[in-house]
Protein backbone atom coordinates (compact mmCIF):
# COMPACT_ATOMS: atom_id res chain seq x y z
CA MET A 1 -17.86 6.22 72.20
CA LYS A 2 -16.62 3.63 74.64
CA GLN A 3 -15.66 3.43 78.28
CA GLN A 4 -12.67 1.54 79.58
CA TRP A 5 -11.66 0.45 83.14
CA VAL A 6 -9.30 -1.94 84.88
CA ILE A 7 -10.87 -5.08 86.38
CA PRO A 8 -8.66 -6.00 89.36
CA PRO A 9 -7.42 -9.51 89.89
CA LYS A 10 -9.64 -11.54 92.14
CA GLU A 11 -9.36 -10.74 95.87
CA ASN A 12 -6.40 -8.35 95.41
CA ALA A 13 -7.00 -5.57 97.86
CA ALA A 14 -3.45 -4.07 97.36
CA PHE A 15 -4.15 -3.64 93.65
CA VAL A 16 -7.34 -1.88 94.42
CA ALA A 17 -5.77 0.42 97.02
CA ASN A 18 -2.96 1.38 94.57
CA MET A 19 -5.54 2.13 91.86
CA GLU A 20 -7.48 4.35 94.25
CA ASP A 21 -4.26 6.24 95.08
CA VAL A 22 -3.78 6.97 91.35
CA LEU A 23 -7.42 8.10 91.02
CA ASP A 24 -7.07 10.31 94.03
CA THR A 25 -3.96 11.99 92.36
CA TYR A 26 -6.17 12.81 89.36
CA ALA A 27 -8.82 14.41 91.63
CA GLU A 28 -6.41 16.82 93.30
CA PRO A 29 -6.81 20.51 92.38
CA TYR A 30 -4.47 22.00 89.78
CA ASP A 31 -0.97 23.02 91.14
CA SER A 32 1.41 24.41 88.49
CA SER A 33 4.41 23.67 90.64
CA ARG A 34 3.48 19.96 90.81
CA PRO A 35 1.70 19.16 87.60
CA VAL A 36 -0.01 15.71 87.15
CA VAL A 37 1.35 14.36 83.79
CA CYS A 38 0.28 11.10 82.18
CA VAL A 39 2.67 9.48 79.74
CA ASP A 40 1.94 6.63 77.34
CA GLU A 41 3.27 5.25 74.06
CA GLY A 42 1.94 3.05 71.25
CA GLY A 43 2.63 1.85 67.72
CA LYS A 44 0.36 2.66 64.82
CA GLN A 45 0.16 0.98 61.44
CA LEU A 46 0.34 3.39 58.58
CA ILE A 47 -2.11 2.56 55.80
CA GLY A 48 -3.39 4.21 52.68
CA ASP A 49 -6.35 3.87 50.37
CA VAL A 50 -6.04 1.59 47.36
CA ARG A 51 -9.34 3.05 45.96
CA GLU A 52 -10.75 6.46 46.73
CA PRO A 53 -13.48 6.42 49.45
CA LEU A 54 -16.97 7.44 48.20
CA PRO A 55 -18.02 11.03 48.94
CA VAL A 56 -19.69 11.47 52.30
CA ARG A 57 -23.45 12.40 52.09
CA PRO A 58 -25.28 14.19 54.90
CA GLY A 59 -26.96 11.73 57.31
CA SER A 60 -25.03 8.74 55.78
CA PRO A 61 -21.89 7.09 57.21
CA ALA A 62 -18.54 7.30 55.35
CA LYS A 63 -17.98 4.39 53.02
CA GLU A 64 -14.47 3.08 52.44
CA ASP A 65 -13.08 -0.01 50.82
CA SER A 66 -11.75 -2.60 53.26
CA VAL A 67 -8.61 -3.10 50.98
CA TYR A 68 -5.62 -0.94 52.04
CA GLU A 69 -2.03 -0.36 51.31
CA ARG A 70 0.50 -0.92 54.06
CA GLY A 71 2.83 1.92 54.71
CA GLY A 72 4.93 0.68 57.56
CA VAL A 73 4.64 1.64 61.24
CA ALA A 74 5.22 4.57 63.46
CA ASN A 75 5.57 5.00 67.19
CA LEU A 76 3.80 7.78 69.25
CA PHE A 77 4.93 8.99 72.59
CA MET A 78 2.24 11.07 74.35
CA ALA A 79 2.33 13.24 77.59
CA PHE A 80 -0.97 14.74 78.80
CA GLU A 81 -1.59 17.17 81.66
CA PRO A 82 -5.27 16.83 82.06
CA LEU A 83 -5.90 19.64 84.56
CA ALA A 84 -4.06 22.16 82.35
CA GLY A 85 -5.42 20.90 79.04
CA LYS A 86 -1.92 20.38 77.64
CA ARG A 87 -0.85 17.58 75.36
CA LEU A 88 2.44 16.72 73.75
CA VAL A 89 2.84 14.09 70.97
CA GLU A 90 6.07 12.92 69.42
CA VAL A 91 6.13 10.51 66.44
CA THR A 92 9.23 8.35 65.99
CA GLU A 93 10.14 5.63 63.52
CA ARG A 94 10.85 3.14 66.21
CA LYS A 95 10.36 2.52 69.93
CA THR A 96 13.56 2.06 71.85
CA SER A 97 14.49 2.77 75.43
CA VAL A 98 16.79 5.57 74.09
CA ASP A 99 13.87 7.09 72.12
CA PHE A 100 11.68 6.98 75.31
CA ALA A 101 14.42 8.48 77.42
CA ARG A 102 14.94 11.35 74.97
CA PHE A 103 11.10 11.98 75.05
CA LEU A 104 11.08 12.09 78.86
CA ARG A 105 14.14 14.43 78.91
CA ALA A 106 12.52 16.86 76.41
CA LEU A 107 9.27 16.70 78.47
CA SER A 108 11.12 17.57 81.76
CA ASP A 109 13.64 20.02 80.35
CA GLU A 110 11.72 21.86 77.69
CA HIS A 111 8.01 21.53 78.44
């Protein structure tokens, strides 16, 4: 488990005020006519095992070889509506502005 946060630039009150506005938005009560939706994207390296991992034993951590086989990369677009508990993920072969625009169009028109 880990926690993350944004450390604002030194003495930048405008940054802090804007971040507080974002956090206030997340704290508003749920309104289905104005959903709060978070969107993000990221690339993931696809890897595979060269050797089979050892069987997991109760009370013992999984044991995997550090050697792996590269399988290319994939891009993930994700939208999350935290107050409704909804999540949408789309996997694409690449990350282009056209791919992102298609994801946003599908999010707004279909979901």
